Amino acid sequence: MNVSEMRTKDTAELRKELESLLKAQFSLRMQKATQQLSNTSQLRKVRRDIARVRTVLGTKA
Protein backbone atom coordinates (compact mmCIF):
# COMPACT_ATOMS: atom_id res chain seq x y z
CA MET A 1 0.00 0.00 0.00
CA ASN A 2 1.30 3.44 -0.90
CA VAL A 3 1.60 6.31 1.52
CA SER A 4 -0.71 8.38 -0.68
CA GLU A 5 -3.40 5.69 -0.34
CA MET A 6 -2.93 5.64 3.43
CA ARG A 7 -3.37 9.39 3.70
CA THR A 8 -6.80 9.18 2.09
CA LYS A 9 -8.03 6.71 4.72
CA ASP A 10 -9.43 7.80 8.05
CA THR A 11 -7.94 6.97 11.43
CA ALA A 12 -10.20 3.98 12.12
CA GLU A 13 -9.25 2.29 8.86
CA LEU A 14 -5.57 2.91 9.52
CA ARG A 15 -5.82 1.40 13.00
CA LYS A 16 -7.53 -1.66 11.54
CA GLU A 17 -4.77 -1.94 8.93
CA LEU A 18 -2.13 -1.62 11.66
CA GLU A 19 -3.79 -4.36 13.68
CA SER A 20 -3.83 -6.73 10.71
CA LEU A 21 -0.19 -5.97 9.92
CA LEU A 22 0.84 -6.67 13.51
CA LYS A 23 -0.97 -10.02 13.38
CA ALA A 24 0.76 -10.83 10.10
CA GLN A 25 4.11 -9.92 11.62
CA PHE A 26 3.48 -12.21 14.58
CA SER A 27 2.50 -15.03 12.26
CA LEU A 28 5.62 -14.57 10.16
CA ARG A 29 7.82 -14.50 13.26
CA MET A 30 6.32 -17.78 14.45
CA GLN A 31 6.85 -19.33 11.03
CA LYS A 32 10.46 -18.20 11.08
CA ALA A 33 10.99 -19.62 14.56
CA THR A 34 9.65 -23.02 13.49
CA GLN A 35 11.63 -22.80 10.23
CA GLN A 36 8.51 -22.91 8.06
CA LEU A 37 9.13 -19.51 6.47
CA SER A 38 10.81 -19.81 3.10
CA ASN A 39 10.67 -16.15 2.04
CA THR A 40 12.22 -14.17 4.89
CA SER A 41 11.96 -10.88 2.99
CA GLN A 42 8.26 -10.80 3.92
CA LEU A 43 9.25 -9.88 7.48
CA ARG A 44 11.04 -6.77 6.25
CA LYS A 45 8.13 -5.72 4.05
CA VAL A 46 5.59 -6.10 6.85
CA ARG A 47 7.82 -4.26 9.32
CA ARG A 48 8.17 -1.34 6.91
CA ASP A 49 4.43 -1.27 6.21
CA ILE A 50 3.83 -1.06 9.97
CA ALA A 51 6.21 1.89 10.16
CA ARG A 52 4.43 3.61 7.27
CA VAL A 53 1.02 3.22 8.89
CA ARG A 54 2.33 4.48 12.24
CA THR A 55 3.93 7.48 10.53
CA VAL A 56 0.69 8.42 8.77
CA LEU A 57 -1.25 7.99 12.03
CA GLY A 58 1.25 10.25 13.78
CA THR A 59 0.91 12.98 11.20
CA LYS A 60 -2.89 12.85 11.41
CA ALA A 61 -2.85 13.18 15.21
PDB file of N, CA and C in Angstrom:
ATOM      1  N   MET A   1       0.844  -1.174   0.000  1.00  0.00           N
ATOM      2  CA  MET A   1       0.000   0.000   0.000  1.00  0.00           C
ATOM      3  C   MET A   1       0.894   1.243   0.000  1.00  0.00           C
ATOM      4  N   ASN A   2       0.532   2.205  -0.812  1.00  0.00           N
ATOM      5  CA  ASN A   2       1.298   3.441  -0.902  1.00  0.00           C
ATOM      6  C   ASN A   2       0.939   4.391   0.223  1.00  0.00           C
ATOM      7  N   VAL A   3       1.847   5.313   0.495  1.00  0.00           N
ATOM      8  CA  VAL A   3       1.595   6.314   1.524  1.00  0.00           C
ATOM      9  C   VAL A   3       0.448   7.221   1.093  1.00  0.00           C
ATOM     10  N   SER A   4       0.370   7.513  -0.198  1.00  0.00           N
ATOM     11  CA  SER A   4      -0.713   8.375  -0.675  1.00  0.00           C
ATOM     12  C   SER A   4      -2.079   7.717  -0.457  1.00  0.00           C
ATOM     13  N   GLU A   5      -2.150   6.398  -0.601  1.00  0.00           N
ATOM     14  CA  GLU A   5      -3.402   5.689  -0.336  1.00  0.00           C
ATOM     15  C   GLU A   5      -3.723   5.716   1.150  1.00  0.00           C
ATOM     16  N   MET A   6      -2.701   5.625   1.982  1.00  0.00           N
ATOM     17  CA  MET A   6      -2.931   5.643   3.430  1.00  0.00           C
ATOM     18  C   MET A   6      -3.432   6.993   3.904  1.00  0.00           C
ATOM     19  N   ARG A   7      -2.963   8.042   3.280  1.00  0.00           N
ATOM     20  CA  ARG A   7      -3.367   9.386   3.701  1.00  0.00           C
ATOM     21  C   ARG A   7      -4.825   9.668   3.394  1.00  0.00           C
ATOM     22  N   THR A   8      -5.389   8.958   2.424  1.00  0.00           N
ATOM     23  CA  THR A   8      -6.796   9.177   2.089  1.00  0.00           C
ATOM     24  C   THR A   8      -7.729   8.455   3.056  1.00  0.00           C
ATOM     25  N   LYS A   9      -7.201   7.460   3.778  1.00  0.00           N
ATOM     26  CA  LYS A   9      -8.028   6.705   4.725  1.00  0.00           C
ATOM     27  C   LYS A   9      -8.176   7.475   6.030  1.00  0.00           C
ATOM     28  N   ASP A  10      -9.252   7.158   6.750  1.00  0.00           N
ATOM     29  CA  ASP A  10      -9.433   7.801   8.047  1.00  0.00           C
ATOM     30  C   ASP A  10      -8.707   7.005   9.130  1.00  0.00           C
ATOM     31  N   THR A  11      -8.715   7.536  10.331  1.00  0.00           N
ATOM     32  CA  THR A  11      -7.938   6.973  11.433  1.00  0.00           C
ATOM     33  C   THR A  11      -8.388   5.560  11.790  1.00  0.00           C
ATOM     34  N   ALA A  12      -9.690   5.311  11.766  1.00  0.00           N
ATOM     35  CA  ALA A  12     -10.197   3.979  12.123  1.00  0.00           C
ATOM     36  C   ALA A  12      -9.716   2.918  11.137  1.00  0.00           C
ATOM     37  N   GLU A  13      -9.729   3.247   9.865  1.00  0.00           N
ATOM     38  CA  GLU A  13      -9.253   2.294   8.856  1.00  0.00           C
ATOM     39  C   GLU A  13      -7.766   2.038   9.009  1.00  0.00           C
ATOM     40  N   LEU A  14      -7.006   3.078   9.336  1.00  0.00           N
ATOM     41  CA  LEU A  14      -5.570   2.907   9.522  1.00  0.00           C
ATOM     42  C   LEU A  14      -5.262   2.053  10.740  1.00  0.00           C
ATOM     43  N   ARG A  15      -6.028   2.230  11.803  1.00  0.00           N
ATOM     44  CA  ARG A  15      -5.824   1.400  12.996  1.00  0.00           C
ATOM     45  C   ARG A  15      -6.145  -0.062  12.707  1.00  0.00           C
ATOM     46  N   LYS A  16      -7.181  -0.298  11.908  1.00  0.00           N
ATOM     47  CA  LYS A  16      -7.531  -1.661  11.536  1.00  0.00           C
ATOM     48  C   LYS A  16      -6.417  -2.272  10.675  1.00  0.00           C
ATOM     49  N   GLU A  17      -5.881  -1.482   9.774  1.00  0.00           N
ATOM     50  CA  GLU A  17      -4.767  -1.936   8.931  1.00  0.00           C
ATOM     51  C   GLU A  17      -3.535  -2.245   9.781  1.00  0.00           C
ATOM     52  N   LEU A  18      -3.260  -1.400  10.769  1.00  0.00           N
ATOM     53  CA  LEU A  18      -2.130  -1.619  11.661  1.00  0.00           C
ATOM     54  C   LEU A  18      -2.311  -2.905  12.455  1.00  0.00           C
ATOM     55  N   GLU A  19      -3.510  -3.148  12.923  1.00  0.00           N
ATOM     56  CA  GLU A  19      -3.787  -4.364  13.682  1.00  0.00           C
ATOM     57  C   GLU A  19      -3.566  -5.611  12.826  1.00  0.00           C
ATOM     58  N   SER A  20      -4.016  -5.569  11.588  1.00  0.00           N
ATOM     59  CA  SER A  20      -3.832  -6.734  10.713  1.00  0.00           C
ATOM     60  C   SER A  20      -2.364  -6.941  10.365  1.00  0.00           C
ATOM     61  N   LEU A  21      -1.618  -5.847  10.200  1.00  0.00           N
ATOM     62  CA  LEU A  21      -0.188  -5.970   9.920  1.00  0.00           C
ATOM     63  C   LEU A  21       0.567  -6.537  11.113  1.00  0.00           C
ATOM     64  N   LEU A  22       0.182  -6.136  12.318  1.00  0.00           N
ATOM     65  CA  LEU A  22       0.839  -6.668  13.512  1.00  0.00           C
ATOM     66  C   LEU A  22       0.561  -8.164  13.670  1.00  0.00           C
ATOM     67  N   LYS A  23      -0.654  -8.587  13.332  1.00  0.00           N
ATOM     68  CA  LYS A  23      -0.974 -10.018  13.376  1.00  0.00           C
ATOM     69  C   LYS A  23      -0.176 -10.780  12.332  1.00  0.00           C
ATOM     70  N   ALA A  24      -0.038 -10.191  11.150  1.00  0.00           N
ATOM     71  CA  ALA A  24       0.756 -10.828  10.095  1.00  0.00           C
ATOM     72  C   ALA A  24       2.217 -10.936  10.502  1.00  0.00           C
ATOM     73  N   GLN A  25       2.728  -9.895  11.157  1.00  0.00           N
ATOM     74  CA  GLN A  25       4.111  -9.917  11.617  1.00  0.00           C
ATOM     75  C   GLN A  25       4.317 -11.018  12.652  1.00  0.00           C
ATOM     76  N   PHE A  26       3.385 -11.153  13.572  1.00  0.00           N
ATOM     77  CA  PHE A  26       3.482 -12.207  14.578  1.00  0.00           C
ATOM     78  C   PHE A  26       3.475 -13.583  13.923  1.00  0.00           C
ATOM     79  N   SER A  27       2.584 -13.755  12.965  1.00  0.00           N
ATOM     80  CA  SER A  27       2.497 -15.032  12.261  1.00  0.00           C
ATOM     81  C   SER A  27       3.797 -15.353  11.536  1.00  0.00           C
ATOM     82  N   LEU A  28       4.368 -14.358  10.874  1.00  0.00           N
ATOM     83  CA  LEU A  28       5.622 -14.573  10.158  1.00  0.00           C
ATOM     84  C   LEU A  28       6.764 -14.880  11.114  1.00  0.00           C
ATOM     85  N   ARG A  29       6.769 -14.222  12.282  1.00  0.00           N
ATOM     86  CA  ARG A  29       7.816 -14.500  13.265  1.00  0.00           C
ATOM     87  C   ARG A  29       7.718 -15.926  13.777  1.00  0.00           C
ATOM     88  N   MET A  30       6.494 -16.399  13.985  1.00  0.00           N
ATOM     89  CA  MET A  30       6.317 -17.779  14.447  1.00  0.00           C
ATOM     90  C   MET A  30       6.739 -18.775  13.369  1.00  0.00           C
ATOM     91  N   GLN A  31       6.428 -18.460  12.118  1.00  0.00           N
ATOM     92  CA  GLN A  31       6.853 -19.331  11.030  1.00  0.00           C
ATOM     93  C   GLN A  31       8.371 -19.370  10.919  1.00  0.00           C
ATOM     94  N   LYS A  32       9.003 -18.240  11.140  1.00  0.00           N
ATOM     95  CA  LYS A  32      10.463 -18.197  11.085  1.00  0.00           C
ATOM     96  C   LYS A  32      11.063 -19.003  12.226  1.00  0.00           C
ATOM     97  N   ALA A  33      10.466 -18.916  13.402  1.00  0.00           N
ATOM     98  CA  ALA A  33      10.988 -19.623  14.563  1.00  0.00           C
ATOM     99  C   ALA A  33      10.873 -21.137  14.389  1.00  0.00           C
ATOM    100  N   THR A  34       9.822 -21.585  13.718  1.00  0.00           N
ATOM    101  CA  THR A  34       9.651 -23.015  13.494  1.00  0.00           C
ATOM    102  C   THR A  34      10.242 -23.456  12.155  1.00  0.00           C
ATOM    103  N   GLN A  35      10.942 -22.554  11.510  1.00  0.00           N
ATOM    104  CA  GLN A  35      11.630 -22.797  10.233  1.00  0.00           C
ATOM    105  C   GLN A  35      10.675 -23.239   9.129  1.00  0.00           C
ATOM    106  N   GLN A  36       9.482 -22.645   9.115  1.00  0.00           N
ATOM    107  CA  GLN A  36       8.515 -22.913   8.060  1.00  0.00           C
ATOM    108  C   GLN A  36       8.450 -21.777   7.056  1.00  0.00           C
ATOM    109  N   LEU A  37       9.167 -20.684   7.340  1.00  0.00           N
ATOM    110  CA  LEU A  37       9.127 -19.510   6.473  1.00  0.00           C
ATOM    111  C   LEU A  37      10.220 -19.622   5.423  1.00  0.00           C
ATOM    112  N   SER A  38       9.818 -19.678   4.165  1.00  0.00           N
ATOM    113  CA  SER A  38      10.809 -19.811   3.100  1.00  0.00           C
ATOM    114  C   SER A  38      11.254 -18.445   2.573  1.00  0.00           C
ATOM    115  N   ASN A  39      10.350 -17.477   2.560  1.00  0.00           N
ATOM    116  CA  ASN A  39      10.670 -16.153   2.037  1.00  0.00           C
ATOM    117  C   ASN A  39      10.804 -15.177   3.204  1.00  0.00           C
ATOM    118  N   THR A  40      12.013 -15.001   3.706  1.00  0.00           N
ATOM    119  CA  THR A  40      12.217 -14.171   4.888  1.00  0.00           C
ATOM    120  C   THR A  40      12.117 -12.682   4.589  1.00  0.00           C
ATOM    121  N   SER A  41      12.084 -12.300   3.323  1.00  0.00           N
ATOM    122  CA  SER A  41      11.956 -10.882   2.990  1.00  0.00           C
ATOM    123  C   SER A  41      10.570 -10.340   3.329  1.00  0.00           C
ATOM    124  N   GLN A  42       9.609 -11.233   3.542  1.00  0.00           N
ATOM    125  CA  GLN A  42       8.262 -10.803   3.924  1.00  0.00           C
ATOM    126  C   GLN A  42       8.283 -10.085   5.263  1.00  0.00           C
ATOM    127  N   LEU A  43       9.155 -10.528   6.171  1.00  0.00           N
ATOM    128  CA  LEU A  43       9.255  -9.879   7.479  1.00  0.00           C
ATOM    129  C   LEU A  43       9.635  -8.412   7.326  1.00  0.00           C
ATOM    130  N   ARG A  44      10.590  -8.144   6.474  1.00  0.00           N
ATOM    131  CA  ARG A  44      11.042  -6.774   6.254  1.00  0.00           C
ATOM    132  C   ARG A  44       9.934  -5.915   5.656  1.00  0.00           C
ATOM    133  N   LYS A  45       9.213  -6.473   4.693  1.00  0.00           N
ATOM    134  CA  LYS A  45       8.134  -5.723   4.050  1.00  0.00           C
ATOM    135  C   LYS A  45       7.030  -5.368   5.049  1.00  0.00           C
ATOM    136  N   VAL A  46       6.654  -6.336   5.870  1.00  0.00           N
ATOM    137  CA  VAL A  46       5.593  -6.101   6.851  1.00  0.00           C
ATOM    138  C   VAL A  46       6.047  -5.080   7.887  1.00  0.00           C
ATOM    139  N   ARG A  47       7.300  -5.196   8.326  1.00  0.00           N
ATOM    140  CA  ARG A  47       7.816  -4.257   9.317  1.00  0.00           C
ATOM    141  C   ARG A  47       7.818  -2.833   8.772  1.00  0.00           C
ATOM    142  N   ARG A  48       8.170  -2.673   7.521  1.00  0.00           N
ATOM    143  CA  ARG A  48       8.173  -1.337   6.908  1.00  0.00           C
ATOM    144  C   ARG A  48       6.760  -0.808   6.690  1.00  0.00           C
ATOM    145  N   ASP A  49       5.823  -1.693   6.342  1.00  0.00           N
ATOM    146  CA  ASP A  49       4.429  -1.271   6.208  1.00  0.00           C
ATOM    147  C   ASP A  49       3.873  -0.792   7.551  1.00  0.00           C
ATOM    148  N   ILE A  50       4.255  -1.483   8.630  1.00  0.00           N
ATOM    149  CA  ILE A  50       3.827  -1.061   9.969  1.00  0.00           C
ATOM    150  C   ILE A  50       4.364   0.336  10.263  1.00  0.00           C
ATOM    151  N   ALA A  51       5.614   0.568   9.924  1.00  0.00           N
ATOM    152  CA  ALA A  51       6.212   1.887  10.155  1.00  0.00           C
ATOM    153  C   ALA A  51       5.504   2.961   9.334  1.00  0.00           C
ATOM    154  N   ARG A  52       5.135   2.630   8.115  1.00  0.00           N
ATOM    155  CA  ARG A  52       4.433   3.605   7.265  1.00  0.00           C
ATOM    156  C   ARG A  52       3.079   3.982   7.874  1.00  0.00           C
ATOM    157  N   VAL A  53       2.336   2.958   8.319  1.00  0.00           N
ATOM    158  CA  VAL A  53       1.022   3.219   8.895  1.00  0.00           C
ATOM    159  C   VAL A  53       1.162   4.063  10.168  1.00  0.00           C
ATOM    160  N   ARG A  54       2.133   3.713  11.006  1.00  0.00           N
ATOM    161  CA  ARG A  54       2.326   4.477  12.239  1.00  0.00           C
ATOM    162  C   ARG A  54       2.748   5.906  11.947  1.00  0.00           C
ATOM    163  N   THR A  55       3.521   6.123  10.906  1.00  0.00           N
ATOM    164  CA  THR A  55       3.928   7.481  10.534  1.00  0.00           C
ATOM    165  C   THR A  55       2.722   8.304  10.085  1.00  0.00           C
ATOM    166  N   VAL A  56       1.872   7.710   9.252  1.00  0.00           N
ATOM    167  CA  VAL A  56       0.686   8.421   8.775  1.00  0.00           C
ATOM    168  C   VAL A  56      -0.257   8.714   9.941  1.00  0.00           C
ATOM    169  N   LEU A  57      -0.405   7.743  10.857  1.00  0.00           N
ATOM    170  CA  LEU A  57      -1.247   7.989  12.035  1.00  0.00           C
ATOM    171  C   LEU A  57      -0.686   9.122  12.886  1.00  0.00           C
ATOM    172  N   GLY A  58       0.623   9.179  13.009  1.00  0.00           N
ATOM    173  CA  GLY A  58       1.251  10.252  13.783  1.00  0.00           C
ATOM    174  C   GLY A  58       1.061  11.614  13.167  1.00  0.00           C
ATOM    175  N   THR A  59       1.105  11.690  11.846  1.00  0.00           N
ATOM    176  CA  THR A  59       0.912  12.983  11.196  1.00  0.00           C
ATOM    177  C   THR A  59      -0.540  13.440  11.270  1.00  0.00           C
ATOM    178  N   LYS A  60      -1.470  12.483  11.318  1.00  0.00           N
ATOM    179  CA  LYS A  60      -2.892  12.851  11.412  1.00  0.00           C
ATOM    180  C   LYS A  60      -3.262  13.295  12.813  1.00  0.00           C
ATOM    181  N   ALA A  61      -2.512  12.859  13.820  1.00  0.00           N
ATOM    182  CA  ALA A  61      -2.851  13.179  15.212  1.00  0.00           C
ATOM    183  C   ALA A  61      -2.492  14.604  15.573  1.00  0.00           C
TER     184      ALA A  61
END
